[in-house]
Protein backbone atom coordinates (compact mmCIF):
# COMPACT_ATOMS: atom_id res chain seq x y z
CA MET A 1 103.76 86.76 93.85
CA GLY A 2 101.95 89.92 92.71
CA PHE A 3 102.29 93.08 94.73
CA SER A 4 99.44 95.47 95.36
CA ARG A 5 100.06 99.01 94.18
CA GLN A 6 97.73 100.63 96.70
CA PRO A 7 99.46 103.42 98.63
CA ARG A 8 99.15 101.66 102.01
CA ASP A 9 100.77 98.49 100.62
CA ILE A 10 103.60 100.41 98.98
CA ALA A 11 104.21 102.33 102.23
CA ARG A 12 104.22 99.09 104.25
CA ARG A 13 106.77 97.46 101.93
CA LEU A 14 109.03 100.51 101.97
CA GLY A 15 108.78 100.66 105.76
CA GLU A 16 109.74 97.01 106.05
CA LYS A 17 112.79 97.57 103.86
CA SER A 18 113.97 100.55 105.89
CA ARG A 19 113.48 98.66 109.19
CA ALA A 20 115.49 95.74 107.84
CA ARG A 21 118.37 98.04 106.97
CA SER A 22 118.31 99.87 110.29
CA ASP A 23 118.16 96.98 112.76
CA GLY A 24 119.54 94.03 110.78
CA TRP A 25 116.39 91.87 110.87
CA ARG A 26 114.68 90.54 107.76
CA ARG A 27 110.91 90.76 108.08
CA GLU A 28 108.01 89.61 105.96
CA THR A 29 104.32 90.25 106.59
CA PHE A 30 101.64 87.70 105.65
CA THR A 31 97.83 87.77 105.74
CA LEU A 32 96.45 84.26 105.30
CA PRO A 33 93.62 81.97 106.40
CA ARG A 34 94.47 80.29 109.74
CA THR A 35 95.57 76.92 108.33
CA ASP A 36 97.68 78.57 105.62
CA ALA A 37 99.21 80.92 108.21
CA ARG A 38 100.30 77.95 110.31
CA ALA A 39 101.80 76.26 107.26
CA LYS A 40 103.67 79.44 106.25
CA ALA A 41 105.09 79.90 109.76
CA ARG A 42 106.20 76.22 109.82
CA GLU A 43 107.80 76.72 106.39
CA TRP A 44 109.84 79.66 107.74
CA PHE A 45 110.93 77.74 110.85
CA ASP A 46 111.95 74.77 108.68
CA ARG A 47 113.81 76.94 106.16
CA TYR A 48 115.38 79.31 108.72
CA PRO A 49 115.99 77.33 111.93
CA LYS A 50 115.77 79.37 115.11
CA ALA A 51 119.25 78.28 116.23
CA ALA A 52 120.92 79.79 113.15
CA TYR A 53 118.60 82.67 112.22
CA MET A 54 116.78 83.51 115.49
CA THR A 55 113.52 83.14 113.53
CA GLU A 56 110.35 84.20 115.32
CA ILE A 57 106.83 85.43 114.85
CA GLU A 58 107.26 89.08 115.78
CA PHE A 59 103.57 90.05 115.71
CA TRP A 60 100.24 88.46 114.90
CA ARG A 61 96.55 89.28 115.04
CA GLU A 62 93.26 87.80 113.88
CA LEU A 63 91.37 89.99 111.43
CA GLU A 64 87.58 90.37 111.44
CA ASP A 65 87.25 88.00 108.48
CA GLY A 66 89.12 85.26 110.36
CA ARG A 67 92.41 85.59 108.49
CA ILE A 68 95.65 85.89 110.43
CA GLU A 69 98.05 88.77 109.81
CA PHE A 70 101.56 88.10 111.09
CA VAL A 71 105.14 89.26 110.76
CA MET A 72 107.96 86.74 110.58
CA ARG A 73 111.47 87.95 111.34
CA ARG A 74 114.91 86.43 111.14
CA LEU A 75 118.54 87.44 111.06
CA PRO A 76 120.27 87.20 107.69
CA SER A 77 123.60 86.26 109.33
CA ALA A 78 123.57 82.62 108.24
CA ASP A 79 122.49 83.28 104.62
């Protein structure tokens, strides 16, 4: 997966890392077409079951172009 080097993307990734260290949650942000977003969320729930990892969709929104931006979070305790 290639990472964008635009300042806003770098700042977002650094912010996510610092939040993960401070509150114990692992977070990942995705921006995908609706069907791909559903598949990615299902992949996370299958890989990190809610009972063991407390996996959830922390935030989501629909962008003007129809894509879905969302944040998945889970606890790393069962890793």
